[in-house]
Amino acid sequence: MLDFDLVIPTRIYFGKNKIDRLAEEIEKYPNKILFAYGKESIKKNGIYTKVIEILNENDVSFVELGGIPPNPTLYYVQKGIELCRKNDLQFILAVGGGSVIDCSKAIAAGVRYEGDVWDFYLQTAKIKDALPIGTILTIVASGSETNEGSVLINESTQLKLLVLNDLLRPKFAIMDPTYTFTVSKKLTAAGVADIFSHILEIYFCPEKNTYLQDRLLEGLFKTCIKFGIIAVNEPNNYEARANLMWTSSLALNGFVLSGKIGDWASHMIGHELSAMYGITHGIGLAIITPYWMEYTLNETTLDKYVDFAKNVWEAKGDNKIEIAKHGIAKTKDFLKSLELPTTLREMGIQESELEKVAKKVVNLGDIGEIVKLNEAKVLNILRNAYGGK
């Protein structure tokens, strides 16, 4: 286990009607805010109206930034920065899922930076100041509502990169599972795949002696497996939605990652599939993850894969290789049961384009921790995932 520092300052309001706590939270900050959200869903399910009502009742001056796309882009970040500067906005309320929240975090950092906000994602500059952010979660997947990360797409370069900084952690998160009842079957399934992948990225790491973290992660795996299918098939099942919502936050708020660094190779590949082809992040991960697992199974990682198969999928037997392969097969079956695509061919990607994808993935260097992946190795994974080999 590695040494670590951990601070999780986000105040969480979890449960039905917790939006009623919004008024007391926004009173703590300047009353000139940017109200950021995605497409039309929050207007259809009534959340938009409720937020507007609370803001007006508390004499909050606000400017709206709507239409943020499912894969957050630099264009909307720059638009948000301009709105904040023009109207002297001092707080951001992000209502939506990971894309809206990640976009809002980038805006928060960019408002108080004289250079190009993309510098933070290229790691050529460090965030030293940011506007405070509050979140109301409507889509479960990213865990961005309680963590310090922001992922952003630069449309001109087709790169999707991550920045991490504690200044980006939201001040509060309102998490009402009923707000996810109207999320489509497809996006619910993609969210489950995204959560599962986050847990997997942390579970498979080069650090030894992480017994406690691994047992916690195995519990998160089991919760995701148990309630993922239920949420997909029974969208108004509160228990399923609530368990997934909390699992999503716990997977990425830093708690189970403490003492580990994780691998994150699958995510780096998935990010570029989103940036280049607009593939929903969770769907990209559902396709890539099993093939990444098959590629990284070797003598060094074998024992970890055996633990995963036995403790998560309850595999039996003495042959380690067979047990490990059983765990990977069960993972593939689980993701398939969510009715998500299993190959890149299904997404309309041409096989001839895979080399370009691999080059983009390693744009900032080799990826992965349990197995270092260069361009050629990433290409092998992509080729395997292309036709389901």
Protein backbone atom coordinates (compact mmCIF):
# COMPACT_ATOMS: atom_id res chain seq x y z
CA MET A 1 0.00 0.00 0.00
CA LEU A 2 1.29 3.46 -0.91
CA ASP A 3 1.33 6.42 1.48
CA PHE A 4 -1.50 8.83 0.79
CA ASP A 5 -3.22 12.09 1.71
CA LEU A 6 -6.99 12.16 1.47
CA VAL A 7 -9.48 15.01 1.66
CA ILE A 8 -13.08 14.58 0.48
CA PRO A 9 -14.68 17.93 1.31
CA THR A 10 -17.85 17.63 -0.78
CA ARG A 11 -20.99 17.84 1.36
CA ILE A 12 -23.37 15.15 0.17
CA TYR A 13 -27.16 15.35 0.34
CA PHE A 14 -28.38 11.87 -0.62
CA GLY A 15 -32.01 10.82 -0.97
CA LYS A 16 -35.46 11.87 -2.06
CA ASN A 17 -36.26 15.60 -2.22
CA LYS A 18 -32.73 16.59 -1.19
CA ILE A 19 -32.93 19.45 -3.69
CA ASP A 20 -34.66 21.28 -0.84
CA ARG A 21 -31.17 21.73 0.64
CA LEU A 22 -30.05 23.77 -2.37
CA ALA A 23 -31.18 27.07 -0.88
CA GLU A 24 -29.07 26.76 2.25
CA GLU A 25 -26.03 25.80 0.22
CA ILE A 26 -26.15 28.61 -2.33
CA GLU A 27 -26.48 31.12 0.51
CA LYS A 28 -22.86 30.37 1.38
CA TYR A 29 -21.56 31.73 -1.93
CA PRO A 30 -21.86 34.90 -4.04
CA ASN A 31 -25.35 35.15 -5.51
CA LYS A 32 -24.22 35.60 -9.11
CA ILE A 33 -24.00 32.13 -10.61
CA LEU A 34 -23.68 30.19 -13.82
CA PHE A 35 -26.44 27.57 -14.12
CA ALA A 36 -24.99 24.85 -16.36
CA TYR A 37 -26.91 21.88 -17.73
CA GLY A 38 -27.15 19.55 -20.71
CA LYS A 39 -29.87 19.07 -23.29
CA GLU A 40 -33.63 19.10 -22.67
CA SER A 41 -33.98 16.23 -20.18
CA ILE A 42 -34.01 18.38 -17.02
CA LYS A 43 -36.75 20.52 -18.53
CA LYS A 44 -38.86 17.45 -19.29
CA ASN A 45 -38.53 15.86 -15.84
CA GLY A 46 -39.15 19.03 -13.84
CA ILE A 47 -35.70 19.52 -12.31
CA TYR A 48 -35.07 22.68 -14.33
CA THR A 49 -38.28 24.29 -13.08
CA LYS A 50 -37.48 23.39 -9.47
CA VAL A 51 -33.96 24.84 -9.67
CA ILE A 52 -35.21 28.08 -11.24
CA GLU A 53 -37.85 28.36 -8.52
CA ILE A 54 -35.27 27.98 -5.74
CA LEU A 55 -32.88 30.46 -7.34
CA ASN A 56 -35.61 33.05 -7.78
CA GLU A 57 -36.95 32.59 -4.26
CA ASN A 58 -33.49 33.30 -2.91
CA ASP A 59 -32.84 36.35 -5.10
CA VAL A 60 -29.99 34.68 -6.92
CA SER A 61 -28.85 36.30 -10.14
CA PHE A 62 -27.97 33.66 -12.71
CA VAL A 63 -27.00 33.12 -16.32
CA GLU A 64 -27.80 29.84 -18.07
CA LEU A 65 -25.42 27.69 -20.09
CA GLY A 66 -27.52 24.90 -21.58
CA GLY A 67 -26.93 22.35 -24.30
CA ILE A 68 -23.67 20.88 -22.94
CA PRO A 69 -23.19 17.65 -24.95
CA PRO A 70 -22.71 14.12 -23.55
CA ASN A 71 -19.00 14.33 -24.39
CA PRO A 72 -17.95 17.75 -23.00
CA THR A 73 -16.12 19.95 -25.46
CA LEU A 74 -13.72 22.86 -25.26
CA TYR A 75 -16.22 25.01 -27.16
CA TYR A 76 -18.73 24.95 -24.29
CA VAL A 77 -15.99 25.55 -21.75
CA GLN A 78 -14.85 28.66 -23.58
CA LYS A 79 -18.46 29.79 -23.90
CA GLY A 80 -18.94 29.34 -20.14
CA ILE A 81 -15.74 31.20 -19.31
CA GLU A 82 -16.91 34.11 -21.47
CA LEU A 83 -20.30 34.21 -19.73
CA CYS A 84 -18.71 34.16 -16.29
CA ARG A 85 -16.30 36.98 -17.08
CA LYS A 86 -18.86 39.11 -18.87
CA ASN A 87 -21.43 38.83 -16.05
CA ASP A 88 -19.00 38.62 -13.11
CA LEU A 89 -20.36 35.21 -12.12
CA GLN A 90 -18.72 33.78 -9.00
CA PHE A 91 -20.26 30.33 -8.54
CA ILE A 92 -21.25 27.46 -10.84
CA LEU A 93 -24.24 25.20 -10.33
CA ALA A 94 -23.88 22.11 -12.52
CA VAL A 95 -27.07 20.10 -13.02
CA GLY A 96 -26.60 16.89 -14.95
CA GLY A 97 -24.18 14.01 -15.28
CA GLY A 98 -20.44 13.75 -15.65
CA SER A 99 -20.24 15.74 -18.86
CA VAL A 100 -21.99 18.78 -17.42
CA ILE A 101 -19.98 18.58 -14.21
CA ASP A 102 -16.65 18.09 -15.98
CA CYS A 103 -17.39 20.99 -18.30
CA SER A 104 -18.30 23.15 -15.29
CA LYS A 105 -15.05 22.27 -13.56
CA ALA A 106 -13.09 23.34 -16.63
CA ILE A 107 -15.00 26.62 -16.72
CA ALA A 108 -14.33 27.13 -13.01
CA ALA A 109 -10.58 26.75 -13.58
CA GLY A 110 -10.49 28.76 -16.78
CA VAL A 111 -12.25 31.88 -15.48
CA ARG A 112 -9.34 32.75 -13.23
CA TYR A 113 -6.59 31.79 -15.67
CA GLU A 114 -5.20 34.21 -18.25
CA GLY A 115 -4.01 31.51 -20.62
CA ASP A 116 -5.79 28.78 -22.57
CA VAL A 117 -7.73 26.43 -20.28
CA TRP A 118 -6.54 23.51 -22.44
CA ASP A 119 -3.07 24.07 -20.93
CA PHE A 120 -4.31 22.34 -17.78
CA TYR A 121 -5.21 19.21 -19.74
CA LEU A 122 -1.91 19.18 -21.60
CA GLN A 123 -0.22 19.47 -18.19
CA THR A 124 1.71 22.56 -19.28
CA ALA A 125 0.06 24.64 -16.53
CA LYS A 126 -1.32 23.90 -13.07
CA ILE A 127 -4.65 25.05 -11.69
CA LYS A 128 -4.02 27.53 -8.88
CA ASP A 129 -7.49 29.00 -8.46
CA ALA A 130 -11.05 28.11 -9.45
CA LEU A 131 -14.63 29.21 -8.92
CA PRO A 132 -16.58 27.11 -6.40
CA ILE A 133 -18.95 24.52 -7.85
CA GLY A 134 -22.12 22.82 -6.63
CA THR A 135 -23.73 19.82 -8.33
CA ILE A 136 -27.15 18.25 -8.72
CA LEU A 137 -26.67 14.77 -10.15
CA THR A 138 -29.06 13.41 -12.78
CA ILE A 139 -27.02 10.68 -14.51
CA VAL A 140 -25.00 8.05 -12.67
CA ALA A 141 -21.64 7.01 -14.14
CA SER A 142 -18.64 9.32 -13.77
CA GLY A 143 -18.42 10.03 -10.02
CA SER A 144 -17.47 13.59 -10.97
CA GLU A 145 -19.97 14.99 -8.48
CA THR A 146 -17.58 14.28 -5.57
CA ASN A 147 -14.12 14.04 -7.12
CA GLU A 148 -11.33 16.30 -8.33
CA GLY A 149 -11.24 15.21 -11.97
CA SER A 150 -12.40 16.77 -15.21
CA VAL A 151 -12.27 15.17 -18.65
CA LEU A 152 -12.56 17.36 -21.73
CA ILE A 153 -12.50 17.00 -25.52
CA ASN A 154 -10.59 19.41 -27.74
CA GLU A 155 -12.56 19.25 -30.97
CA SER A 156 -9.75 20.64 -33.12
CA THR A 157 -7.20 18.03 -32.07
CA GLN A 158 -9.65 15.19 -31.31
CA LEU A 159 -7.97 14.61 -27.97
CA LYS A 160 -9.86 13.79 -24.78
CA LEU A 161 -7.72 14.42 -21.71
CA LEU A 162 -7.99 14.47 -17.94
CA VAL A 163 -6.94 17.00 -15.33
CA LEU A 164 -6.91 16.35 -11.57
CA ASN A 165 -6.88 19.08 -8.96
CA ASP A 166 -8.48 19.34 -5.52
CA LEU A 167 -9.69 22.86 -6.35
CA LEU A 168 -12.15 21.21 -8.74
CA ARG A 169 -13.95 19.17 -6.07
CA PRO A 170 -17.56 20.35 -5.83
CA LYS A 171 -18.57 22.06 -2.59
CA PHE A 172 -21.78 20.04 -2.43
CA ALA A 173 -23.56 17.27 -4.29
CA ILE A 174 -27.32 16.80 -4.26
CA MET A 175 -27.92 13.15 -5.10
CA ASP A 176 -31.57 12.14 -5.46
CA PRO A 177 -31.87 8.67 -7.04
CA THR A 178 -35.36 9.51 -8.33
CA TYR A 179 -33.73 12.01 -10.68
CA THR A 180 -32.25 9.07 -12.59
CA PHE A 181 -35.58 7.28 -13.18
CA THR A 182 -36.01 8.95 -16.58
CA VAL A 183 -32.52 8.07 -17.86
CA SER A 184 -32.89 5.84 -20.93
CA LYS A 185 -32.17 2.14 -20.85
CA LYS A 186 -29.15 2.64 -23.12
CA LEU A 187 -27.59 5.39 -20.98
CA THR A 188 -28.33 3.49 -17.78
CA ALA A 189 -26.52 0.45 -19.16
CA ALA A 190 -23.61 2.60 -20.34
CA GLY A 191 -23.41 4.16 -16.88
CA VAL A 192 -23.25 0.73 -15.24
CA ALA A 193 -20.39 -0.25 -17.58
CA ASP A 194 -18.60 3.00 -16.74
CA ILE A 195 -18.92 2.40 -12.99
CA PHE A 196 -17.74 -1.20 -13.35
CA SER A 197 -14.73 -0.04 -15.35
CA HIS A 198 -13.78 2.56 -12.73
CA ILE A 199 -13.75 -0.13 -10.05
CA LEU A 200 -11.74 -2.43 -12.31
CA GLU A 201 -9.14 0.24 -13.08
CA ILE A 202 -8.48 0.67 -9.36
CA TYR A 203 -8.63 -3.03 -8.49
CA PHE A 204 -5.95 -3.98 -11.02
CA CYS A 205 -2.90 -2.05 -9.93
CA PRO A 206 0.80 -2.83 -9.40
CA GLU A 207 0.72 -2.10 -5.64
CA LYS A 208 0.89 -5.04 -3.23
CA ASN A 209 -0.67 -5.41 0.22
CA THR A 210 -3.90 -3.57 -0.58
CA TYR A 211 -6.12 -6.08 1.20
CA LEU A 212 -8.60 -3.60 2.65
CA GLN A 213 -9.04 -1.61 -0.54
CA ASP A 214 -9.51 -4.78 -2.58
CA ARG A 215 -12.24 -6.12 -0.31
CA LEU A 216 -14.05 -2.77 -0.51
CA LEU A 217 -13.71 -2.79 -4.29
CA GLU A 218 -15.06 -6.33 -4.50
CA GLY A 219 -18.14 -5.13 -2.63
CA LEU A 220 -18.59 -2.36 -5.17
CA PHE A 221 -18.24 -4.88 -8.01
CA LYS A 222 -20.95 -7.07 -6.51
CA THR A 223 -23.26 -4.11 -5.97
CA CYS A 224 -22.81 -3.01 -9.58
CA ILE A 225 -23.48 -6.53 -10.84
CA LYS A 226 -26.55 -7.06 -8.64
CA PHE A 227 -28.28 -3.75 -9.28
CA GLY A 228 -27.06 -2.91 -12.78
CA ILE A 229 -29.40 -5.31 -14.54
CA ILE A 230 -32.28 -4.34 -12.25
CA ALA A 231 -31.88 -0.64 -13.02
CA VAL A 232 -31.77 -1.33 -16.76
CA ASN A 233 -34.96 -3.41 -16.68
CA GLU A 234 -36.80 -1.59 -13.86
CA PRO A 235 -36.00 2.12 -14.31
CA ASN A 236 -38.14 3.22 -11.33
CA ASN A 237 -36.58 0.76 -8.88
CA TYR A 238 -35.36 3.11 -6.15
CA GLU A 239 -33.13 0.57 -4.40
CA ALA A 240 -31.27 -0.21 -7.61
CA ARG A 241 -30.89 3.43 -8.61
CA ALA A 242 -29.74 4.44 -5.11
CA ASN A 243 -27.17 1.66 -4.82
CA LEU A 244 -25.71 2.47 -8.23
CA MET A 245 -25.61 6.19 -7.46
CA TRP A 246 -23.66 5.67 -4.26
CA THR A 247 -21.41 3.02 -5.81
CA SER A 248 -20.54 5.44 -8.61
CA SER A 249 -19.42 8.13 -6.17
CA LEU A 250 -17.52 5.76 -3.91
CA ALA A 251 -15.66 4.31 -6.87
CA LEU A 252 -14.05 7.62 -7.80
CA ASN A 253 -14.12 10.03 -4.85
CA GLY A 254 -10.64 8.91 -3.77
CA PHE A 255 -11.63 6.71 -0.84
CA VAL A 256 -11.02 3.26 -2.37
CA LEU A 257 -8.17 4.63 -4.48
CA SER A 258 -6.20 5.66 -1.38
CA GLY A 259 -2.93 3.72 -1.26
CA LYS A 260 -3.25 2.79 -4.95
CA ILE A 261 -2.67 4.45 -8.30
CA GLY A 262 -4.87 2.27 -10.50
CA ASP A 263 -4.23 1.38 -14.13
CA TRP A 264 -6.52 3.57 -16.32
CA ALA A 265 -5.40 2.18 -19.69
CA SER A 266 -8.92 1.18 -20.71
CA HIS A 267 -10.10 4.69 -19.93
CA MET A 268 -7.40 6.28 -22.03
CA ILE A 269 -8.46 4.14 -24.98
CA GLY A 270 -12.13 4.84 -24.29
CA HIS A 271 -11.50 8.59 -24.15
CA GLU A 272 -10.14 8.64 -27.68
CA LEU A 273 -13.05 6.59 -28.99
CA SER A 274 -15.30 9.29 -27.55
CA ALA A 275 -13.22 12.15 -28.90
CA MET A 276 -12.85 10.77 -32.41
CA TYR A 277 -16.21 9.09 -32.98
CA GLY A 278 -18.55 10.49 -30.34
CA ILE A 279 -19.02 7.08 -28.75
CA THR A 280 -20.71 7.22 -25.36
CA HIS A 281 -17.92 6.69 -22.84
CA GLY A 282 -19.54 3.75 -21.05
CA ILE A 283 -20.20 1.97 -24.34
CA GLY A 284 -16.59 2.39 -25.39
CA LEU A 285 -15.46 0.94 -22.07
CA ALA A 286 -17.89 -1.97 -22.34
CA ILE A 287 -16.26 -2.88 -25.65
CA ILE A 288 -12.61 -2.34 -24.69
CA THR A 289 -12.50 -3.64 -21.11
CA PRO A 290 -12.73 -7.42 -21.73
CA TYR A 291 -10.07 -7.26 -24.45
CA TRP A 292 -7.80 -5.18 -22.21
CA MET A 293 -8.25 -7.84 -19.53
CA GLU A 294 -7.35 -10.65 -21.92
CA TYR A 295 -4.27 -8.76 -23.12
CA THR A 296 -2.97 -7.97 -19.63
CA LEU A 297 -3.40 -11.48 -18.20
CA ASN A 298 0.13 -12.81 -17.70
CA GLU A 299 2.32 -14.46 -15.05
CA THR A 300 2.71 -11.19 -13.15
CA THR A 301 -0.99 -10.31 -13.07
CA LEU A 302 -2.33 -13.85 -12.75
CA ASP A 303 -2.87 -13.89 -8.99
CA LYS A 304 -4.85 -10.67 -9.13
CA TYR A 305 -7.08 -12.05 -11.85
CA VAL A 306 -7.59 -15.18 -9.75
CA ASP A 307 -8.66 -13.06 -6.77
CA PHE A 308 -11.06 -11.19 -9.02
CA ALA A 309 -12.60 -14.37 -10.41
CA LYS A 310 -12.95 -16.05 -7.02
CA ASN A 311 -14.06 -13.11 -4.90
CA VAL A 312 -16.30 -11.35 -7.41
CA TRP A 313 -17.57 -14.18 -9.62
CA GLU A 314 -17.19 -17.02 -7.09
CA ALA A 315 -15.09 -19.12 -9.44
CA LYS A 316 -13.96 -22.54 -8.18
CA GLY A 317 -11.05 -24.82 -8.99
CA ASP A 318 -7.27 -25.08 -8.73
CA ASN A 319 -6.09 -24.21 -12.23
CA LYS A 320 -5.19 -20.53 -11.95
CA ILE A 321 -5.22 -19.80 -15.66
CA GLU A 322 -8.66 -21.33 -16.10
CA ILE A 323 -10.00 -19.48 -13.06
CA ALA A 324 -8.63 -16.16 -14.34
CA LYS A 325 -10.13 -16.73 -17.79
CA HIS A 326 -13.44 -17.60 -16.15
CA GLY A 327 -13.47 -14.20 -14.42
CA ILE A 328 -12.84 -12.42 -17.72
CA ALA A 329 -15.54 -14.45 -19.47
CA LYS A 330 -18.06 -13.65 -16.71
CA THR A 331 -17.21 -9.96 -17.05
CA LYS A 332 -17.80 -10.13 -20.80
CA ASP A 333 -21.12 -11.91 -20.21
CA PHE A 334 -22.18 -9.29 -17.68
CA LEU A 335 -21.46 -6.39 -20.02
CA LYS A 336 -23.23 -8.23 -22.84
CA SER A 337 -26.27 -8.76 -20.59
CA LEU A 338 -26.62 -4.97 -20.43
CA GLU A 339 -27.35 -5.13 -24.16
CA LEU A 340 -24.35 -3.01 -25.03
CA PRO A 341 -22.20 -3.43 -28.17
CA THR A 342 -19.31 -5.86 -27.82
CA THR A 343 -17.15 -4.90 -30.81
CA LEU A 344 -15.84 -1.74 -32.44
CA ARG A 345 -17.18 -2.95 -35.77
CA GLU A 346 -20.71 -2.49 -34.42
CA MET A 347 -19.94 1.19 -33.84
CA GLY A 348 -19.25 1.79 -37.52
CA ILE A 349 -15.51 2.33 -37.10
CA GLN A 350 -13.37 1.26 -40.05
CA GLU A 351 -10.60 -1.21 -39.24
CA SER A 352 -8.19 0.94 -41.25
CA GLU A 353 -8.67 3.76 -38.71
CA LEU A 354 -7.44 1.78 -35.70
CA GLU A 355 -3.81 2.85 -36.19
CA LYS A 356 -4.88 6.49 -35.98
CA VAL A 357 -6.78 5.76 -32.75
CA ALA A 358 -3.78 4.00 -31.20
CA LYS A 359 -1.51 6.93 -32.04
CA LYS A 360 -3.92 9.37 -30.38
CA VAL A 361 -4.18 7.21 -27.25
CA VAL A 362 -0.43 7.39 -26.57
CA ASN A 363 -0.16 11.05 -27.56
CA LEU A 364 1.30 11.92 -24.13
CA GLY A 365 3.23 8.67 -23.69
CA ASP A 366 2.71 4.99 -22.89
CA ILE A 367 -0.36 4.15 -20.83
CA GLY A 368 -1.26 1.66 -18.09
CA GLU A 369 0.37 0.49 -14.90
CA ILE A 370 -0.03 -3.30 -14.55
CA VAL A 371 1.17 -3.66 -18.13
CA LYS A 372 2.72 -0.70 -19.94
CA LEU A 373 1.09 -0.23 -23.30
CA ASN A 374 2.81 1.48 -26.21
CA GLU A 375 1.22 2.30 -29.54
CA ALA A 376 1.71 -1.21 -30.93
CA LYS A 377 0.14 -2.88 -27.87
CA VAL A 378 -2.80 -0.50 -27.86
CA LEU A 379 -3.30 -1.31 -31.53
CA ASN A 380 -3.37 -5.03 -30.72
CA ILE A 381 -6.13 -4.47 -28.16
CA LEU A 382 -8.10 -2.36 -30.62
CA ARG A 383 -7.78 -5.01 -33.32
CA ASN A 384 -8.96 -7.71 -30.94
CA ALA A 385 -11.89 -5.50 -29.92
CA TYR A 386 -12.73 -4.64 -33.50
CA GLY A 387 -14.16 -8.02 -34.44
CA GLY A 388 -14.38 -9.69 -31.05
CA LYS A 389 -11.41 -11.98 -31.53
